Amino acid sequence: MTETAEIDKQSAATVSQTSAVWGQRIAASIVLAMVAIPAVVTAALVWISVGRPLLFRQVRSGVGGRAFTLIKFRTMHDLRDAEGELLPDCMRETAITRLIRRLRLDEIPQLLAILNGDMNFIGPRPLPPRIVASFGHFGSVRNEVRPGLTGWAQVNGNTRLSDADKLALDIWYIDNHSAALDAWIILLTVVTVLRGERIRNKPLALARERLAVRLATAVQGGVAAGGGGA
């Protein structure tokens, strides 16, 4: 009887997850239709500003650690120093591509990843596998949910945050995510695009506390917590 109940519970969870993915796909299809003209305009601006290729592609880590190719509009030149190392981001951007990034227009192609089931609208930002691996135990925790187009770290400071604080905010989101929280993140994303990135101290403090608890539990359990950047 217990085994039957457990199977029924797992089946219900699978159906729920499948429905959620299809819901995301349908929403992505609608949004893609809405942003078709902005996407064409953005592509033209990228071509004028930094030339071809128009798209940036990179392998990122998805749910369960499954790798997928993330696609964005390219916003930087491939400029390097005398040693062949890429110059800092600020030296490879242009005024036009800086505005594109500020308005998040470079993210439009990622709607295709949502259509493909690799991403959600909301979740931790997808990172390269090597960076996720550097988180140790928390890399596995981060991979428990699909990465998102926007997330808790992105609306609480994003580029103004340290890598450790981004990870803390991602872990807090995973522990507390809900439909209401996702709706709040969507609203804050709009505010962030309009007003710019700002560190929100209260959510950050809560995330740091939660990560400290998680870390203490992991250490007591003998799990390698890891570190690294988010």
C-alpha atoms as a PDB file:
ATOM      1  CA  MET A   1       0.000   0.000   0.000  1.00  0.00           C
ATOM      2  CA  THR A   2       2.807   2.363   0.920  1.00  0.00           C
ATOM      3  CA  GLU A   3       4.685   1.560  -2.310  1.00  0.00           C
ATOM      4  CA  THR A   4       1.553   2.230  -4.355  1.00  0.00           C
ATOM      5  CA  ALA A   5       1.048   5.578  -2.641  1.00  0.00           C
ATOM      6  CA  GLU A   6       4.674   6.489  -3.295  1.00  0.00           C
ATOM      7  CA  ILE A   7       4.359   5.597  -6.989  1.00  0.00           C
ATOM      8  CA  ASP A   8       1.167   7.666  -7.255  1.00  0.00           C
ATOM      9  CA  LYS A   9       2.935  10.586  -5.590  1.00  0.00           C
ATOM     10  CA  GLN A  10       5.889  10.369  -7.987  1.00  0.00           C
ATOM     11  CA  SER A  11       3.545  10.126 -10.980  1.00  0.00           C
ATOM     12  CA  ALA A  12       1.655  13.208  -9.839  1.00  0.00           C
ATOM     13  CA  ALA A  13       4.945  15.101  -9.430  1.00  0.00           C
ATOM     14  CA  THR A  14       6.042  14.084 -12.936  1.00  0.00           C
ATOM     15  CA  VAL A  15       2.742  15.226 -14.439  1.00  0.00           C
ATOM     16  CA  SER A  16       3.009  18.525 -12.555  1.00  0.00           C
ATOM     17  CA  GLN A  17       6.570  19.112 -13.772  1.00  0.00           C
ATOM     18  CA  THR A  18       5.622  18.279 -17.368  1.00  0.00           C
ATOM     19  CA  SER A  19       2.659  20.652 -17.210  1.00  0.00           C
ATOM     20  CA  ALA A  20       4.888  23.399 -15.826  1.00  0.00           C
ATOM     21  CA  VAL A  21       7.406  22.962 -18.651  1.00  0.00           C
ATOM     22  CA  TRP A  22       4.663  23.113 -21.271  1.00  0.00           C
ATOM     23  CA  GLY A  23       3.250  26.195 -19.591  1.00  0.00           C
ATOM     24  CA  GLN A  24       6.670  27.839 -19.867  1.00  0.00           C
ATOM     25  CA  ARG A  25       6.916  26.826 -23.528  1.00  0.00           C
ATOM     26  CA  ILE A  26       3.531  28.276 -24.390  1.00  0.00           C
ATOM     27  CA  ALA A  27       4.388  31.521 -22.600  1.00  0.00           C
ATOM     28  CA  ALA A  28       7.757  31.667 -24.414  1.00  0.00           C
ATOM     29  CA  SER A  29       5.989  31.239 -27.769  1.00  0.00           C
ATOM     30  CA  ILE A  30       3.689  34.162 -26.987  1.00  0.00           C
ATOM     31  CA  VAL A  31       6.551  36.374 -25.803  1.00  0.00           C
ATOM     32  CA  LEU A  32       8.639  35.491 -28.885  1.00  0.00           C
ATOM     33  CA  ALA A  33       5.816  36.680 -31.119  1.00  0.00           C
ATOM     34  CA  MET A  34       5.568  39.904 -29.106  1.00  0.00           C
ATOM     35  CA  VAL A  35       9.308  40.666 -29.284  1.00  0.00           C
ATOM     36  CA  ALA A  36       9.857  39.713 -32.925  1.00  0.00           C
ATOM     37  CA  ILE A  37      10.311  43.326 -34.057  1.00  0.00           C
ATOM     38  CA  PRO A  38      12.583  44.310 -31.117  1.00  0.00           C
ATOM     39  CA  ALA A  39      14.645  41.192 -31.868  1.00  0.00           C
ATOM     40  CA  VAL A  40      15.142  42.230 -35.504  1.00  0.00           C
ATOM     41  CA  VAL A  41      16.065  45.769 -34.453  1.00  0.00           C
ATOM     42  CA  THR A  42      18.505  44.434 -31.845  1.00  0.00           C
ATOM     43  CA  ALA A  43      20.127  42.151 -34.427  1.00  0.00           C
ATOM     44  CA  ALA A  44      20.601  45.107 -36.751  1.00  0.00           C
ATOM     45  CA  LEU A  45      22.154  47.222 -33.982  1.00  0.00           C
ATOM     46  CA  VAL A  46      24.527  44.400 -33.045  1.00  0.00           C
ATOM     47  CA  TRP A  47      25.598  44.069 -36.689  1.00  0.00           C
ATOM     48  CA  ILE A  48      26.258  47.810 -36.937  1.00  0.00           C
ATOM     49  CA  SER A  49      28.013  47.990 -33.568  1.00  0.00           C
ATOM     50  CA  VAL A  50      30.180  44.858 -33.321  1.00  0.00           C
ATOM     51  CA  GLY A  51      29.629  43.083 -36.648  1.00  0.00           C
ATOM     52  CA  ARG A  52      29.198  39.372 -37.154  1.00  0.00           C
ATOM     53  CA  PRO A  53      28.562  36.847 -35.728  1.00  0.00           C
ATOM     54  CA  LEU A  54      25.363  38.300 -34.298  1.00  0.00           C
ATOM     55  CA  LEU A  55      24.953  35.585 -31.682  1.00  0.00           C
ATOM     56  CA  PHE A  56      27.032  34.487 -28.700  1.00  0.00           C
ATOM     57  CA  ARG A  57      26.919  30.780 -27.908  1.00  0.00           C
ATOM     58  CA  GLN A  58      28.236  29.004 -24.814  1.00  0.00           C
ATOM     59  CA  VAL A  59      27.617  25.660 -23.119  1.00  0.00           C
ATOM     60  CA  ARG A  60      25.849  26.099 -19.791  1.00  0.00           C
ATOM     61  CA  SER A  61      24.727  23.740 -17.033  1.00  0.00           C
ATOM     62  CA  GLY A  62      20.991  23.033 -16.780  1.00  0.00           C
ATOM     63  CA  VAL A  63      18.693  21.106 -14.475  1.00  0.00           C
ATOM     64  CA  GLY A  64      20.301  17.914 -13.205  1.00  0.00           C
ATOM     65  CA  GLY A  65      23.638  19.102 -14.603  1.00  0.00           C
ATOM     66  CA  ARG A  66      22.511  18.498 -18.196  1.00  0.00           C
ATOM     67  CA  ALA A  67      24.495  20.737 -20.542  1.00  0.00           C
ATOM     68  CA  PHE A  68      22.808  22.910 -23.151  1.00  0.00           C
ATOM     69  CA  THR A  69      23.882  25.715 -25.476  1.00  0.00           C
ATOM     70  CA  LEU A  70      22.874  29.176 -24.343  1.00  0.00           C
ATOM     71  CA  ILE A  71      22.359  31.751 -27.107  1.00  0.00           C
ATOM     72  CA  LYS A  72      22.402  35.528 -26.694  1.00  0.00           C
ATOM     73  CA  PHE A  73      22.932  38.502 -28.961  1.00  0.00           C
ATOM     74  CA  ARG A  74      26.642  39.303 -29.026  1.00  0.00           C
ATOM     75  CA  THR A  75      27.441  42.564 -27.259  1.00  0.00           C
ATOM     76  CA  MET A  76      31.262  42.623 -27.160  1.00  0.00           C
ATOM     77  CA  HIS A  77      34.185  42.815 -29.538  1.00  0.00           C
ATOM     78  CA  ASP A  78      36.777  40.038 -29.370  1.00  0.00           C
ATOM     79  CA  LEU A  79      39.557  42.422 -28.337  1.00  0.00           C
ATOM     80  CA  ARG A  80      42.630  40.965 -26.627  1.00  0.00           C
ATOM     81  CA  ASP A  81      45.810  42.235 -24.976  1.00  0.00           C
ATOM     82  CA  ALA A  82      49.387  41.498 -25.992  1.00  0.00           C
ATOM     83  CA  GLU A  83      49.245  38.130 -24.179  1.00  0.00           C
ATOM     84  CA  GLY A  84      46.132  37.095 -26.081  1.00  0.00           C
ATOM     85  CA  GLU A  85      43.816  37.487 -23.085  1.00  0.00           C
ATOM     86  CA  LEU A  86      40.401  39.091 -23.549  1.00  0.00           C
ATOM     87  CA  LEU A  87      40.244  42.716 -22.431  1.00  0.00           C
ATOM     88  CA  PRO A  88      37.813  43.659 -19.607  1.00  0.00           C
ATOM     89  CA  ASP A  89      34.140  43.706 -20.581  1.00  0.00           C
ATOM     90  CA  CYS A  90      33.904  47.489 -20.316  1.00  0.00           C
ATOM     91  CA  MET A  91      36.629  47.848 -22.982  1.00  0.00           C
ATOM     92  CA  ARG A  92      34.931  45.459 -25.397  1.00  0.00           C
ATOM     93  CA  GLU A  93      31.450  46.972 -25.259  1.00  0.00           C
ATOM     94  CA  THR A  94      30.179  49.881 -27.331  1.00  0.00           C
ATOM     95  CA  ALA A  95      27.665  52.556 -26.355  1.00  0.00           C
ATOM     96  CA  ILE A  96      25.006  50.721 -28.362  1.00  0.00           C
ATOM     97  CA  THR A  97      25.683  47.262 -26.945  1.00  0.00           C
ATOM     98  CA  ARG A  98      25.891  48.708 -23.429  1.00  0.00           C
ATOM     99  CA  LEU A  99      22.344  50.007 -23.908  1.00  0.00           C
ATOM    100  CA  ILE A 100      21.252  46.635 -25.323  1.00  0.00           C
ATOM    101  CA  ARG A 101      22.551  44.918 -22.191  1.00  0.00           C
ATOM    102  CA  ARG A 102      21.015  47.565 -19.944  1.00  0.00           C
ATOM    103  CA  LEU A 103      17.577  46.885 -21.484  1.00  0.00           C
ATOM    104  CA  ARG A 104      18.181  43.095 -21.469  1.00  0.00           C
ATOM    105  CA  LEU A 105      17.530  42.917 -25.227  1.00  0.00           C
ATOM    106  CA  ASP A 106      20.549  40.629 -25.636  1.00  0.00           C
ATOM    107  CA  GLU A 107      18.609  37.996 -23.664  1.00  0.00           C
ATOM    108  CA  ILE A 108      15.816  37.612 -26.261  1.00  0.00           C
ATOM    109  CA  PRO A 109      17.302  34.508 -27.985  1.00  0.00           C
ATOM    110  CA  GLN A 110      17.185  32.654 -24.651  1.00  0.00           C
ATOM    111  CA  LEU A 111      13.440  32.343 -25.153  1.00  0.00           C
ATOM    112  CA  LEU A 112      14.399  29.540 -27.547  1.00  0.00           C
ATOM    113  CA  ALA A 113      15.981  27.663 -24.617  1.00  0.00           C
ATOM    114  CA  ILE A 114      12.682  27.978 -22.737  1.00  0.00           C
ATOM    115  CA  LEU A 115      10.869  26.618 -25.783  1.00  0.00           C
ATOM    116  CA  ASN A 116      13.297  23.700 -25.794  1.00  0.00           C
ATOM    117  CA  GLY A 117      12.706  22.994 -22.094  1.00  0.00           C
ATOM    118  CA  ASP A 118      16.283  23.871 -21.061  1.00  0.00           C
ATOM    119  CA  MET A 119      15.335  27.027 -19.139  1.00  0.00           C
ATOM    120  CA  ASN A 120      12.465  28.678 -17.282  1.00  0.00           C
ATOM    121  CA  PHE A 121      11.556  32.334 -17.161  1.00  0.00           C
ATOM    122  CA  ILE A 122      12.589  32.437 -13.483  1.00  0.00           C
ATOM    123  CA  GLY A 123      15.501  30.622 -11.855  1.00  0.00           C
ATOM    124  CA  PRO A 124      19.226  30.889 -11.133  1.00  0.00           C
ATOM    125  CA  ARG A 125      21.085  32.180 -14.160  1.00  0.00           C
ATOM    126  CA  PRO A 126      22.684  29.359 -16.209  1.00  0.00           C
ATOM    127  CA  LEU A 127      26.451  29.119 -15.691  1.00  0.00           C
ATOM    128  CA  PRO A 128      29.229  27.173 -17.456  1.00  0.00           C
ATOM    129  CA  PRO A 129      29.618  23.611 -16.083  1.00  0.00           C
ATOM    130  CA  ARG A 130      33.128  24.308 -14.735  1.00  0.00           C
ATOM    131  CA  ILE A 131      31.825  27.164 -12.580  1.00  0.00           C
ATOM    132  CA  VAL A 132      28.900  25.119 -11.278  1.00  0.00           C
ATOM    133  CA  ALA A 133      31.324  22.292 -10.481  1.00  0.00           C
ATOM    134  CA  SER A 134      33.448  24.720  -8.445  1.00  0.00           C
ATOM    135  CA  PHE A 135      30.481  25.181  -6.085  1.00  0.00           C
ATOM    136  CA  GLY A 136      30.825  21.575  -4.933  1.00  0.00           C
ATOM    137  CA  HIS A 137      27.697  20.521  -3.025  1.00  0.00           C
ATOM    138  CA  PHE A 138      25.974  23.820  -3.796  1.00  0.00           C
ATOM    139  CA  GLY A 139      26.497  23.204  -7.498  1.00  0.00           C
ATOM    140  CA  SER A 140      24.266  20.146  -7.172  1.00  0.00           C
ATOM    141  CA  VAL A 141      21.742  22.188  -5.193  1.00  0.00           C
ATOM    142  CA  ARG A 142      21.766  24.856  -7.894  1.00  0.00           C
ATOM    143  CA  ASN A 143      21.062  22.214 -10.529  1.00  0.00           C
ATOM    144  CA  GLU A 144      17.889  21.080  -8.752  1.00  0.00           C
ATOM    145  CA  VAL A 145      15.857  23.623 -10.735  1.00  0.00           C
ATOM    146  CA  ARG A 146      15.949  24.843 -14.327  1.00  0.00           C
ATOM    147  CA  PRO A 147      18.023  27.976 -14.845  1.00  0.00           C
ATOM    148  CA  GLY A 148      16.119  31.154 -15.600  1.00  0.00           C
ATOM    149  CA  LEU A 149      16.012  34.135 -17.890  1.00  0.00           C
ATOM    150  CA  THR A 150      15.976  36.236 -14.742  1.00  0.00           C
ATOM    151  CA  GLY A 151      16.341  35.334 -11.092  1.00  0.00           C
ATOM    152  CA  TRP A 152      16.510  36.385  -7.449  1.00  0.00           C
ATOM    153  CA  ALA A 153      20.163  37.413  -7.706  1.00  0.00           C
ATOM    154  CA  GLN A 154      19.474  39.482 -10.837  1.00  0.00           C
ATOM    155  CA  VAL A 155      16.816  41.631  -9.128  1.00  0.00           C
ATOM    156  CA  ASN A 156      18.794  42.092  -5.911  1.00  0.00           C
ATOM    157  CA  GLY A 157      21.991  43.592  -7.286  1.00  0.00           C
ATOM    158  CA  ASN A 158      23.279  41.322 -10.059  1.00  0.00           C
ATOM    159  CA  THR A 159      26.588  42.785 -11.325  1.00  0.00           C
ATOM    160  CA  ARG A 160      26.943  44.859  -8.158  1.00  0.00           C
ATOM    161  CA  LEU A 161      27.104  41.679  -6.059  1.00  0.00           C
ATOM    162  CA  SER A 162      30.022  39.439  -5.224  1.00  0.00           C
ATOM    163  CA  ASP A 163      30.003  35.904  -6.613  1.00  0.00           C
ATOM    164  CA  ALA A 164      29.358  34.512  -3.121  1.00  0.00           C
ATOM    165  CA  ASP A 165      26.325  36.757  -2.643  1.00  0.00           C
ATOM    166  CA  LYS A 166      24.879  35.706  -6.013  1.00  0.00           C
ATOM    167  CA  LEU A 167      25.220  32.081  -4.962  1.00  0.00           C
ATOM    168  CA  ALA A 168      23.563  32.826  -1.607  1.00  0.00           C
ATOM    169  CA  LEU A 169      20.598  34.451  -3.352  1.00  0.00           C
ATOM    170  CA  ASP A 170      20.301  31.525  -5.777  1.00  0.00           C
ATOM    171  CA  ILE A 171      20.244  29.019  -2.912  1.00  0.00           C
ATOM    172  CA  TRP A 172      17.667  31.096  -1.031  1.00  0.00           C
ATOM    173  CA  TYR A 173      15.461  31.109  -4.132  1.00  0.00           C
ATOM    174  CA  ILE A 174      15.718  27.333  -4.532  1.00  0.00           C
ATOM    175  CA  ASP A 175      14.721  26.841  -0.887  1.00  0.00           C
ATOM    176  CA  ASN A 176      11.793  29.270  -1.098  1.00  0.00           C
ATOM    177  CA  HIS A 177      10.585  29.369  -4.701  1.00  0.00           C
ATOM    178  CA  SER A 178       6.851  29.624  -5.307  1.00  0.00           C
ATOM    179  CA  ALA A 179       4.466  31.070  -7.873  1.00  0.00           C
ATOM    180  CA  ALA A 180       4.101  34.207  -5.747  1.00  0.00           C
ATOM    181  CA  LEU A 181       7.872  34.673  -5.521  1.00  0.00           C
ATOM    182  CA  ASP A 182       8.239  34.185  -9.282  1.00  0.00           C
ATOM    183  CA  ALA A 183       5.583  36.850  -9.903  1.00  0.00           C
ATOM    184  CA  TRP A 184       7.473  39.196  -7.559  1.00  0.00           C
ATOM    185  CA  ILE A 185      10.718  38.550  -9.436  1.00  0.00           C
ATOM    186  CA  ILE A 186       9.046  39.369 -12.760  1.00  0.00           C
ATOM    187  CA  LEU A 187       7.840  42.686 -11.320  1.00  0.00           C
ATOM    188  CA  LEU A 188      11.264  43.465  -9.857  1.00  0.00           C
ATOM    189  CA  THR A 189      12.876  42.611 -13.203  1.00  0.00           C
ATOM    190  CA  VAL A 190      10.789  45.301 -14.891  1.00  0.00           C
ATOM    191  CA  VAL A 191      11.752  47.760 -12.131  1.00  0.00           C
ATOM    192  CA  THR A 192      15.428  46.842 -12.522  1.00  0.00           C
ATOM    193  CA  VAL A 193      15.341  47.402 -16.278  1.00  0.00           C
ATOM    194  CA  LEU A 194      13.735  50.817 -15.777  1.00  0.00           C
ATOM    195  CA  ARG A 195      15.726  52.013 -12.758  1.00  0.00           C
ATOM    196  CA  GLY A 196      18.982  50.099 -13.018  1.00  0.00           C
ATOM    197  CA  GLU A 197      20.592  47.545 -10.720  1.00  0.00           C
ATOM    198  CA  ARG A 198      20.494  48.194  -6.984  1.00  0.00           C
ATOM    199  CA  ILE A 199      21.513  46.027  -4.049  1.00  0.00           C
ATOM    200  CA  ARG A 200      18.518  45.181  -1.848  1.00  0.00           C
ATOM    201  CA  ASN A 201      20.034  44.677   1.574  1.00  0.00           C
ATOM    202  CA  LYS A 202      17.223  42.802   3.382  1.00  0.00           C
ATOM    203  CA  PRO A 203      16.904  39.939   0.844  1.00  0.00           C
ATOM    204  CA  LEU A 204      20.691  39.750   0.694  1.00  0.00           C
ATOM    205  CA  ALA A 205      20.999  39.455   4.474  1.00  0.00           C
ATOM    206  CA  LEU A 206      18.385  36.677   4.544  1.00  0.00           C
ATOM    207  CA  ALA A 207      20.188  34.840   1.755  1.00  0.00           C
ATOM    208  CA  ARG A 208      23.523  35.067   3.552  1.00  0.00           C
ATOM    209  CA  GLU A 209      21.949  33.661   6.711  1.00  0.00           C
ATOM    210  CA  ARG A 210      20.352  30.812   4.782  1.00  0.00           C
ATOM    211  CA  LEU A 211      23.614  29.950   3.029  1.00  0.00           C
ATOM    212  CA  ALA A 212      25.440  29.927   6.376  1.00  0.00           C
ATOM    213  CA  VAL A 213      22.891  27.427   7.728  1.00  0.00           C
ATOM    214  CA  ARG A 214      23.189  25.315   4.587  1.00  0.00           C
ATOM    215  CA  LEU A 215      26.981  25.407   4.819  1.00  0.00           C
ATOM    216  CA  ALA A 216      27.001  24.384   8.486  1.00  0.00           C
ATOM    217  CA  THR A 217      24.662  21.491   7.724  1.00  0.00           C
ATOM    218  CA  ALA A 218      26.812  20.409   4.772  1.00  0.00           C
ATOM    219  CA  VAL A 219      29.986  20.504   6.874  1.00  0.00           C
ATOM    220  CA  GLN A 220      28.375  18.509   9.673  1.00  0.00           C
ATOM    221  CA  GLY A 221      27.244  15.960   7.109  1.00  0.00           C
ATOM    222  CA  GLY A 222      30.732  15.738   5.657  1.00  0.00           C
ATOM    223  CA  VAL A 223      29.657  17.161   2.275  1.00  0.00           C
ATOM    224  CA  ALA A 224      32.134  19.202   0.219  1.00  0.00           C
ATOM    225  CA  ALA A 225      30.442  22.593  -0.038  1.00  0.00           C
ATOM    226  CA  GLY A 226      32.828  24.136  -2.537  1.00  0.00           C
ATOM    227  CA  GLY A 227      32.987  27.793  -3.486  1.00  0.00           C
ATOM    228  CA  GLY A 228      33.390  29.911  -6.560  1.00  0.00           C
ATOM    229  CA  GLY A 229      31.591  32.541  -8.563  1.00  0.00           C
ATOM    230  CA  ALA A 230      27.995  32.986  -9.637  1.00  0.00           C
END
